């Protein structure tokens, strides 16, 4: 199991990369929405949104999921250590749903740059922070 630590390190790096995308893409949506009437600006932001999602977010999400699944396979006894892992996986499911919602919003903003308000996106941007806080608490503190 010496390689378990390497998989864990890769998992943490993947998670950090994925979270970076989840934090920054909604910020780009705010800029996109606030500059909806400036076509030259939205054209550039649309490219940034696409590249951030497709080239960083998607690979990082899959790397996180695959490395996490591999760790669960190698240490399946972790499920009997309490309900914290079950809670973490539930929170992960919400994070994955949020991830795919960002792609839906990205596509909608291309057709309708006035979609939602920048205030909406500022609030929506807080969801991954809350999920990350609870995921980290589950993993580190293991409250139950």
Protein backbone atom coordinates (compact mmCIF):
# COMPACT_ATOMS: atom_id res chain seq x y z
CA UNK A 1 0.00 0.00 0.00
CA UNK A 2 3.00 2.31 -0.34
CA UNK A 3 1.47 3.73 -3.49
CA UNK A 4 -1.74 4.66 -1.62
CA UNK A 5 -0.07 7.88 -0.43
CA UNK A 6 0.82 8.74 -4.04
CA UNK A 7 -2.78 8.21 -5.10
CA UNK A 8 -3.94 10.35 -2.18
CA UNK A 9 -1.51 13.12 -3.17
CA UNK A 10 -2.78 12.99 -6.74
CA UNK A 11 -6.36 13.03 -5.45
CA UNK A 12 -5.73 16.17 -3.36
CA UNK A 13 -3.99 17.93 -6.29
CA UNK A 14 -6.87 17.01 -8.61
CA UNK A 15 -9.41 18.25 -6.07
CA UNK A 16 -7.58 21.56 -5.67
CA UNK A 17 -7.48 22.03 -9.46
CA UNK A 18 -11.16 21.17 -9.77
CA UNK A 19 -12.09 23.57 -6.99
CA UNK A 20 -10.08 26.34 -8.66
CA UNK A 21 -12.28 25.96 -11.73
CA UNK A 22 -15.45 25.78 -9.64
CA UNK A 23 -14.47 29.00 -7.86
CA UNK A 24 -13.37 30.96 -10.94
CA UNK A 25 -15.89 30.01 -13.64
CA UNK A 26 -18.84 31.69 -11.88
CA UNK A 27 -16.63 34.79 -11.49
CA UNK A 28 -16.24 34.79 -15.28
CA UNK A 29 -20.03 34.51 -15.52
CA UNK A 30 -20.29 37.69 -13.43
CA UNK A 31 -17.95 39.53 -15.82
CA UNK A 32 -19.84 38.07 -18.78
CA UNK A 33 -23.17 39.27 -17.43
CA UNK A 34 -21.95 42.70 -16.35
CA UNK A 35 -20.47 43.32 -19.81
CA UNK A 36 -23.26 41.66 -21.79
CA UNK A 37 -23.59 44.63 -24.14
CA UNK A 38 -19.90 44.65 -25.08
CA UNK A 39 -19.63 41.94 -27.75
CA UNK A 40 -15.83 42.11 -28.01
CA UNK A 41 -15.52 41.50 -24.26
CA UNK A 42 -18.06 38.65 -24.13
CA UNK A 43 -16.36 36.94 -27.07
CA UNK A 44 -13.11 36.81 -25.10
CA UNK A 45 -14.81 35.73 -21.87
CA UNK A 46 -16.65 32.94 -23.71
CA UNK A 47 -13.30 31.53 -24.85
CA UNK A 48 -11.94 31.75 -21.29
CA UNK A 49 -15.05 30.06 -19.90
CA UNK A 50 -14.82 27.26 -22.47
CA UNK A 51 -11.12 26.59 -21.91
CA UNK A 52 -11.41 26.76 -18.12
CA UNK A 53 -14.29 24.29 -18.09
CA UNK A 54 -13.11 21.85 -20.79
CA UNK A 55 -9.35 21.87 -20.29
CA UNK A 56 -9.07 22.29 -16.52
CA UNK A 57 -12.43 21.52 -14.93
CA UNK A 58 -13.42 18.35 -16.73
CA UNK A 59 -10.03 16.58 -16.48
CA UNK A 60 -9.63 17.66 -12.83
CA UNK A 61 -13.11 16.41 -11.95
CA UNK A 62 -12.49 13.01 -13.55
CA UNK A 63 -9.03 12.74 -11.99
CA UNK A 64 -10.59 13.47 -8.59
CA UNK A 65 -13.37 10.92 -9.07
CA UNK A 66 -11.13 8.17 -10.47
CA UNK A 67 -8.39 8.58 -7.86
CA UNK A 68 -11.00 8.71 -5.09
CA UNK A 69 -12.70 5.58 -6.39
CA UNK A 70 -9.35 3.82 -6.57
CA UNK A 71 -8.60 4.76 -2.97
CA UNK A 72 -12.02 3.44 -1.91
CA UNK A 73 -11.28 0.21 -3.75
CA UNK A 74 -7.93 -0.14 -1.99
CA UNK A 75 -9.42 0.74 1.41
CA UNK A 76 -13.05 -0.41 1.31
CA UNK A 77 -13.04 -0.80 5.10
CA UNK A 78 -13.31 2.98 5.31
CA UNK A 79 -17.10 2.63 4.91
CA UNK A 80 -17.32 0.94 8.30
CA UNK A 81 -15.39 3.76 10.03
CA UNK A 82 -18.51 5.89 10.44
CA UNK A 83 -20.99 7.84 8.40
CA UNK A 84 -18.57 10.61 7.47
CA UNK A 85 -17.56 8.88 4.21
CA UNK A 86 -21.19 8.47 3.20
CA UNK A 87 -21.79 12.16 3.91
CA UNK A 88 -18.66 13.10 1.95
CA UNK A 89 -19.85 11.10 -1.06
CA UNK A 90 -23.27 12.75 -0.88
CA UNK A 91 -21.62 16.17 -0.83
CA UNK A 92 -19.46 15.04 -3.76
CA UNK A 93 -22.63 14.20 -5.70
CA UNK A 94 -23.85 17.77 -5.11
CA UNK A 95 -20.46 19.11 -6.24
CA UNK A 96 -20.66 17.06 -9.45
CA UNK A 97 -24.19 18.35 -10.09
CA UNK A 98 -22.92 21.90 -9.54
CA UNK A 99 -20.08 21.24 -11.99
CA UNK A 100 -22.50 20.22 -14.74
CA UNK A 101 -24.80 23.14 -13.93
CA UNK A 102 -21.88 25.46 -14.75
CA UNK A 103 -21.65 23.96 -18.23
CA UNK A 104 -25.36 24.51 -18.72
CA UNK A 105 -25.05 28.14 -17.60
CA UNK A 106 -22.00 28.64 -19.83
CA UNK A 107 -23.94 27.47 -22.88
CA UNK A 108 -26.95 29.58 -21.96
CA UNK A 109 -24.83 32.72 -21.61
CA UNK A 110 -23.57 32.27 -25.17
CA UNK A 111 -27.12 32.55 -26.50
CA UNK A 112 -28.42 34.97 -23.87
CA UNK A 113 -25.71 37.15 -22.30
CA UNK A 114 -28.42 38.79 -20.15
CA UNK A 115 -29.27 35.45 -18.50
CA UNK A 116 -29.75 35.96 -14.75
CA UNK A 117 -28.18 38.85 -12.86
CA UNK A 118 -24.62 39.33 -11.71
CA UNK A 119 -25.97 39.22 -8.15
CA UNK A 120 -27.40 35.77 -8.87
CA UNK A 121 -23.97 34.59 -10.05
CA UNK A 122 -22.29 36.13 -6.98
CA UNK A 123 -24.57 34.06 -4.75
CA UNK A 124 -24.25 30.96 -6.97
CA UNK A 125 -20.49 31.31 -6.66
CA UNK A 126 -20.70 30.54 -2.92
CA UNK A 127 -22.08 27.02 -3.37
CA UNK A 128 -18.74 25.28 -4.04
CA UNK A 129 -17.20 27.06 -1.06
CA UNK A 130 -19.85 25.69 1.26
CA UNK A 131 -19.59 22.20 -0.21
CA UNK A 132 -15.79 22.27 0.07
CA UNK A 133 -15.97 23.34 3.72
CA UNK A 134 -18.26 20.45 4.59
CA UNK A 135 -16.24 17.94 2.53
CA UNK A 136 -13.01 18.94 4.27
CA UNK A 137 -14.71 18.74 7.69
CA UNK A 138 -15.97 15.23 6.86
CA UNK A 139 -12.49 14.07 5.81
CA UNK A 140 -10.40 15.75 8.50
CA UNK A 141 -12.69 15.88 11.57
CA UNK A 142 -14.82 12.80 10.78
CA UNK A 143 -17.64 14.10 13.01
CA UNK A 144 -19.67 10.88 12.83
